[in-house]
Amino acid sequence: MSSITGISHQATQANHNYLDKLLQPIREYLDSIEINNQKIAHLLCHLIPAQCPFERDVKLFGHLLFHIPAMCKLNPLYDQFIGLRFRALTFLADVCGEDITGYC
């Protein structure tokens, strides 16, 4: 029985590694984007949420039907998008001198 679990874990790990390799160029691209346009910075701050969207349990008559995990756990590029939003906020605050409290 443990060999089946081991094989299943290995297959899952292999798929995860493949996905990481596939997404690595996109991660590097997103991490390399420099913000130098005020309109783009505002657009990014509007499009990328400040917090990870909440998770919830869907229940019917008190019985759990299914669980929706936090959306950030489903997005493999979540860290890159949050970094991009942070760079946009930093640009607006430091370079443009804007009050960014409305985005927080």
N, C-alpha and C. Protein backbone atom coordinates (compact mmCIF):
# COMPACT_ATOMS: atom_id res chain seq x y z
N MET A 1 0.82 -1.19 0.00
CA MET A 1 0.00 0.00 0.00
C MET A 1 0.86 1.26 0.00
N SER A 2 1.96 1.23 0.75
CA SER A 2 2.81 2.41 0.80
C SER A 2 3.49 2.67 -0.54
N SER A 3 3.70 1.63 -1.35
CA SER A 3 4.32 1.85 -2.65
C SER A 3 3.40 2.62 -3.58
N ILE A 4 2.09 2.37 -3.47
CA ILE A 4 1.13 3.12 -4.29
C ILE A 4 1.15 4.59 -3.89
N THR A 5 1.17 4.84 -2.59
CA THR A 5 1.24 6.21 -2.11
C THR A 5 2.53 6.87 -2.54
N GLY A 6 3.62 6.14 -2.49
CA GLY A 6 4.92 6.66 -2.91
C GLY A 6 4.92 7.02 -4.39
N ILE A 7 4.35 6.16 -5.20
CA ILE A 7 4.27 6.42 -6.63
C ILE A 7 3.38 7.64 -6.90
N SER A 8 2.26 7.71 -6.22
CA SER A 8 1.36 8.83 -6.39
C SER A 8 2.05 10.14 -5.99
N HIS A 9 2.78 10.11 -4.87
CA HIS A 9 3.50 11.29 -4.42
C HIS A 9 4.57 11.69 -5.43
N GLN A 10 5.27 10.70 -5.99
CA GLN A 10 6.30 10.99 -6.98
C GLN A 10 5.69 11.60 -8.23
N ALA A 11 4.56 11.09 -8.66
CA ALA A 11 3.90 11.64 -9.85
C ALA A 11 3.45 13.07 -9.60
N THR A 12 2.91 13.33 -8.42
CA THR A 12 2.48 14.68 -8.07
C THR A 12 3.68 15.61 -8.04
N GLN A 13 4.77 15.16 -7.45
CA GLN A 13 5.99 15.96 -7.37
C GLN A 13 6.54 16.25 -8.76
N ALA A 14 6.51 15.24 -9.65
CA ALA A 14 7.00 15.44 -11.02
C ALA A 14 6.15 16.47 -11.75
N ASN A 15 4.83 16.42 -11.57
CA ASN A 15 3.94 17.40 -12.20
C ASN A 15 4.21 18.79 -11.66
N HIS A 16 4.45 18.88 -10.35
CA HIS A 16 4.73 20.17 -9.72
C HIS A 16 6.03 20.75 -10.27
N ASN A 17 7.07 19.91 -10.40
CA ASN A 17 8.35 20.36 -10.94
C ASN A 17 8.20 20.82 -12.38
N TYR A 18 7.40 20.10 -13.16
CA TYR A 18 7.17 20.47 -14.55
C TYR A 18 6.47 21.82 -14.63
N LEU A 19 5.47 22.04 -13.78
CA LEU A 19 4.77 23.31 -13.75
C LEU A 19 5.70 24.44 -13.34
N ASP A 20 6.54 24.20 -12.36
CA ASP A 20 7.52 25.21 -11.94
C ASP A 20 8.45 25.59 -13.08
N LYS A 21 8.94 24.61 -13.81
CA LYS A 21 9.84 24.88 -14.94
C LYS A 21 9.10 25.63 -16.05
N LEU A 22 7.86 25.30 -16.26
CA LEU A 22 7.06 25.94 -17.29
C LEU A 22 6.78 27.41 -16.94
N LEU A 23 6.52 27.67 -15.67
CA LEU A 23 6.17 29.02 -15.23
C LEU A 23 7.37 29.90 -14.90
N GLN A 24 8.56 29.33 -14.80
CA GLN A 24 9.73 30.11 -14.41
C GLN A 24 10.00 31.31 -15.31
N PRO A 25 9.94 31.20 -16.64
CA PRO A 25 10.16 32.39 -17.48
C PRO A 25 9.11 33.49 -17.23
N ILE A 26 7.89 33.09 -16.96
CA ILE A 26 6.84 34.08 -16.68
C ILE A 26 7.13 34.76 -15.35
N ARG A 27 7.54 33.98 -14.36
CA ARG A 27 7.89 34.56 -13.06
C ARG A 27 9.03 35.56 -13.20
N GLU A 28 10.06 35.18 -13.95
CA GLU A 28 11.20 36.07 -14.15
C GLU A 28 10.78 37.34 -14.88
N TYR A 29 9.91 37.21 -15.87
CA TYR A 29 9.44 38.38 -16.61
C TYR A 29 8.66 39.32 -15.68
N LEU A 30 7.72 38.77 -14.91
CA LEU A 30 6.94 39.60 -14.00
C LEU A 30 7.82 40.27 -12.96
N ASP A 31 8.83 39.56 -12.46
CA ASP A 31 9.74 40.13 -11.47
C ASP A 31 10.63 41.21 -12.07
N SER A 32 10.83 41.19 -13.37
CA SER A 32 11.73 42.17 -14.01
C SER A 32 11.02 43.45 -14.45
N ILE A 33 9.71 43.47 -14.40
CA ILE A 33 8.97 44.65 -14.86
C ILE A 33 9.25 45.82 -13.92
N GLU A 34 9.67 46.93 -14.52
CA GLU A 34 9.89 48.16 -13.77
C GLU A 34 8.72 49.09 -14.04
N ILE A 35 8.24 49.70 -13.00
CA ILE A 35 7.11 50.63 -13.12
C ILE A 35 7.67 52.03 -13.28
N ASN A 36 7.32 52.69 -14.38
CA ASN A 36 7.77 54.06 -14.61
C ASN A 36 6.69 54.91 -15.29
N ASN A 37 5.45 54.46 -15.20
CA ASN A 37 4.33 55.19 -15.79
C ASN A 37 3.21 55.27 -14.75
N GLN A 38 2.78 56.47 -14.48
CA GLN A 38 1.78 56.70 -13.43
C GLN A 38 0.45 56.01 -13.75
N LYS A 39 0.02 56.07 -14.99
CA LYS A 39 -1.27 55.45 -15.36
C LYS A 39 -1.20 53.93 -15.22
N ILE A 40 -0.08 53.35 -15.64
CA ILE A 40 0.09 51.89 -15.52
C ILE A 40 0.12 51.51 -14.04
N ALA A 41 0.80 52.31 -13.23
CA ALA A 41 0.88 52.02 -11.80
C ALA A 41 -0.50 52.04 -11.17
N HIS A 42 -1.32 53.02 -11.52
CA HIS A 42 -2.69 53.08 -11.00
C HIS A 42 -3.50 51.88 -11.47
N LEU A 43 -3.35 51.52 -12.73
CA LEU A 43 -4.08 50.37 -13.27
C LEU A 43 -3.72 49.09 -12.53
N LEU A 44 -2.43 48.87 -12.31
CA LEU A 44 -1.99 47.66 -11.59
C LEU A 44 -2.53 47.64 -10.17
N CYS A 45 -2.54 48.78 -9.50
CA CYS A 45 -3.04 48.85 -8.13
C CYS A 45 -4.54 48.57 -8.07
N HIS A 46 -5.26 48.94 -9.13
CA HIS A 46 -6.70 48.64 -9.18
C HIS A 46 -6.96 47.17 -9.52
N LEU A 47 -6.16 46.60 -10.40
CA LEU A 47 -6.41 45.24 -10.88
C LEU A 47 -5.94 44.15 -9.91
N ILE A 48 -4.84 44.40 -9.21
CA ILE A 48 -4.28 43.37 -8.33
C ILE A 48 -4.78 43.64 -6.91
N PRO A 49 -5.51 42.71 -6.31
CA PRO A 49 -6.07 42.95 -4.97
C PRO A 49 -4.98 43.06 -3.90
N ALA A 50 -5.28 43.83 -2.86
CA ALA A 50 -4.32 44.05 -1.78
C ALA A 50 -4.18 42.82 -0.89
N GLN A 51 -5.21 42.02 -0.81
CA GLN A 51 -5.20 40.85 0.05
C GLN A 51 -5.59 39.62 -0.75
N CYS A 52 -5.20 38.50 -0.22
CA CYS A 52 -5.59 37.23 -0.82
C CYS A 52 -7.10 37.07 -0.64
N PRO A 53 -7.84 36.85 -1.73
CA PRO A 53 -9.29 36.64 -1.58
C PRO A 53 -9.58 35.51 -0.60
N PHE A 54 -10.59 35.71 0.18
CA PHE A 54 -10.90 34.82 1.30
C PHE A 54 -11.28 33.41 0.85
N GLU A 55 -11.09 32.50 1.77
CA GLU A 55 -11.55 31.13 1.54
C GLU A 55 -12.89 30.95 2.22
N ARG A 56 -13.63 29.97 1.79
CA ARG A 56 -14.93 29.75 2.43
C ARG A 56 -15.36 28.30 2.30
N ASP A 57 -16.25 27.94 3.21
CA ASP A 57 -16.89 26.62 3.18
C ASP A 57 -18.31 26.82 2.65
N VAL A 58 -18.71 25.99 1.73
CA VAL A 58 -20.08 26.03 1.20
C VAL A 58 -20.86 24.94 1.90
N LYS A 59 -21.89 25.37 2.63
CA LYS A 59 -22.69 24.44 3.42
C LYS A 59 -24.14 24.47 2.97
N LEU A 60 -24.81 23.35 3.15
CA LEU A 60 -26.22 23.22 2.88
C LEU A 60 -26.84 22.49 4.05
N PHE A 61 -27.77 23.13 4.71
CA PHE A 61 -28.43 22.57 5.90
C PHE A 61 -27.41 22.14 6.95
N GLY A 62 -26.35 22.95 7.11
CA GLY A 62 -25.36 22.68 8.13
C GLY A 62 -24.32 21.64 7.76
N HIS A 63 -24.42 21.07 6.56
CA HIS A 63 -23.45 20.06 6.12
C HIS A 63 -22.51 20.69 5.10
N LEU A 64 -21.24 20.43 5.28
CA LEU A 64 -20.23 20.95 4.38
C LEU A 64 -20.33 20.26 3.02
N LEU A 65 -20.59 21.04 1.98
CA LEU A 65 -20.63 20.49 0.63
C LEU A 65 -19.23 20.46 0.02
N PHE A 66 -18.54 21.59 0.11
CA PHE A 66 -17.17 21.65 -0.37
C PHE A 66 -16.48 22.89 0.20
N HIS A 67 -15.18 22.88 0.10
CA HIS A 67 -14.34 23.95 0.63
C HIS A 67 -13.65 24.65 -0.55
N ILE A 68 -13.71 25.96 -0.58
CA ILE A 68 -13.00 26.75 -1.60
C ILE A 68 -11.75 27.30 -0.92
N PRO A 69 -10.57 26.89 -1.37
CA PRO A 69 -9.34 27.39 -0.73
C PRO A 69 -9.12 28.87 -1.07
N ALA A 70 -8.26 29.50 -0.31
CA ALA A 70 -7.91 30.90 -0.60
C ALA A 70 -7.38 30.97 -2.02
N MET A 71 -7.80 31.97 -2.76
CA MET A 71 -7.44 32.09 -4.17
C MET A 71 -5.93 32.20 -4.38
N CYS A 72 -5.21 32.80 -3.43
CA CYS A 72 -3.77 32.92 -3.61
C CYS A 72 -3.09 31.56 -3.63
N LYS A 73 -3.67 30.57 -2.98
CA LYS A 73 -3.10 29.22 -2.98
C LYS A 73 -3.29 28.54 -4.33
N LEU A 74 -4.24 29.01 -5.11
CA LEU A 74 -4.51 28.42 -6.41
C LEU A 74 -3.70 29.08 -7.53
N ASN A 75 -3.20 30.29 -7.28
CA ASN A 75 -2.49 31.04 -8.31
C ASN A 75 -0.98 30.85 -8.14
N PRO A 76 -0.33 30.15 -9.06
CA PRO A 76 1.10 29.91 -8.91
C PRO A 76 1.94 31.17 -9.14
N LEU A 77 1.34 32.24 -9.63
CA LEU A 77 2.06 33.50 -9.87
C LEU A 77 1.67 34.58 -8.86
N TYR A 78 1.03 34.18 -7.78
CA TYR A 78 0.54 35.14 -6.79
C TYR A 78 1.65 36.03 -6.24
N ASP A 79 2.78 35.45 -5.87
CA ASP A 79 3.88 36.24 -5.31
C ASP A 79 4.40 37.27 -6.30
N GLN A 80 4.46 36.92 -7.57
CA GLN A 80 4.94 37.85 -8.58
C GLN A 80 3.95 39.01 -8.76
N PHE A 81 2.65 38.72 -8.74
CA PHE A 81 1.66 39.78 -8.88
C PHE A 81 1.67 40.72 -7.68
N ILE A 82 1.84 40.17 -6.48
CA ILE A 82 1.91 41.02 -5.29
C ILE A 82 3.17 41.89 -5.34
N GLY A 83 4.27 41.34 -5.81
CA GLY A 83 5.49 42.12 -5.98
C GLY A 83 5.32 43.23 -6.98
N LEU A 84 4.62 42.94 -8.07
CA LEU A 84 4.35 43.95 -9.09
C LEU A 84 3.48 45.07 -8.53
N ARG A 85 2.47 44.70 -7.76
CA ARG A 85 1.60 45.70 -7.13
C ARG A 85 2.40 46.56 -6.14
N PHE A 86 3.28 45.92 -5.40
CA PHE A 86 4.11 46.65 -4.44
C PHE A 86 5.02 47.65 -5.17
N ARG A 87 5.61 47.25 -6.29
CA ARG A 87 6.46 48.16 -7.06
C ARG A 87 5.64 49.32 -7.61
N ALA A 88 4.40 49.06 -8.00
CA ALA A 88 3.54 50.13 -8.49
C ALA A 88 3.20 51.11 -7.36
N LEU A 89 2.89 50.58 -6.19
CA LEU A 89 2.59 51.44 -5.04
C LEU A 89 3.81 52.26 -4.64
N THR A 90 4.97 51.64 -4.65
CA THR A 90 6.20 52.35 -4.31
C THR A 90 6.47 53.46 -5.31
N PHE A 91 6.25 53.21 -6.57
CA PHE A 91 6.44 54.24 -7.60
C PHE A 91 5.50 55.41 -7.36
N LEU A 92 4.23 55.11 -7.09
CA LEU A 92 3.27 56.18 -6.87
C LEU A 92 3.63 57.01 -5.64
N ALA A 93 4.07 56.35 -4.58
CA ALA A 93 4.39 57.07 -3.34
C ALA A 93 5.72 57.81 -3.44
N ASP A 94 6.76 57.14 -3.90
CA ASP A 94 8.11 57.72 -3.87
C ASP A 94 8.38 58.67 -5.03
N VAL A 95 8.00 58.28 -6.22
CA VAL A 95 8.32 59.07 -7.41
C VAL A 95 7.26 60.14 -7.68
N CYS A 96 5.99 59.72 -7.59
CA CYS A 96 4.90 60.65 -7.91
C CYS A 96 4.43 61.45 -6.69
N GLY A 97 4.83 61.03 -5.51
CA GLY A 97 4.45 61.73 -4.29
C GLY A 97 2.97 61.63 -3.95
N GLU A 98 2.32 60.57 -4.40
CA GLU A 98 0.88 60.40 -4.17
C GLU A 98 0.61 59.71 -2.83
N ASP A 99 -0.56 59.98 -2.31
CA ASP A 99 -1.05 59.29 -1.11
C ASP A 99 -1.65 57.96 -1.58
N ILE A 100 -1.09 56.86 -1.10
CA ILE A 100 -1.53 55.54 -1.58
C ILE A 100 -2.41 54.82 -0.55
N THR A 101 -2.84 55.52 0.48
CA THR A 101 -3.65 54.85 1.51
C THR A 101 -4.96 54.30 0.96
N GLY A 102 -5.46 54.86 -0.11
CA GLY A 102 -6.68 54.34 -0.73
C GLY A 102 -6.50 52.97 -1.34
N TYR A 103 -5.28 52.56 -1.61
CA TYR A 103 -4.99 51.25 -2.20
C TYR A 103 -4.68 50.18 -1.16
N CYS A 104 -4.57 50.60 0.09
CA CYS A 104 -4.18 49.64 1.14
C CYS A 104 -5.37 49.05 1.85
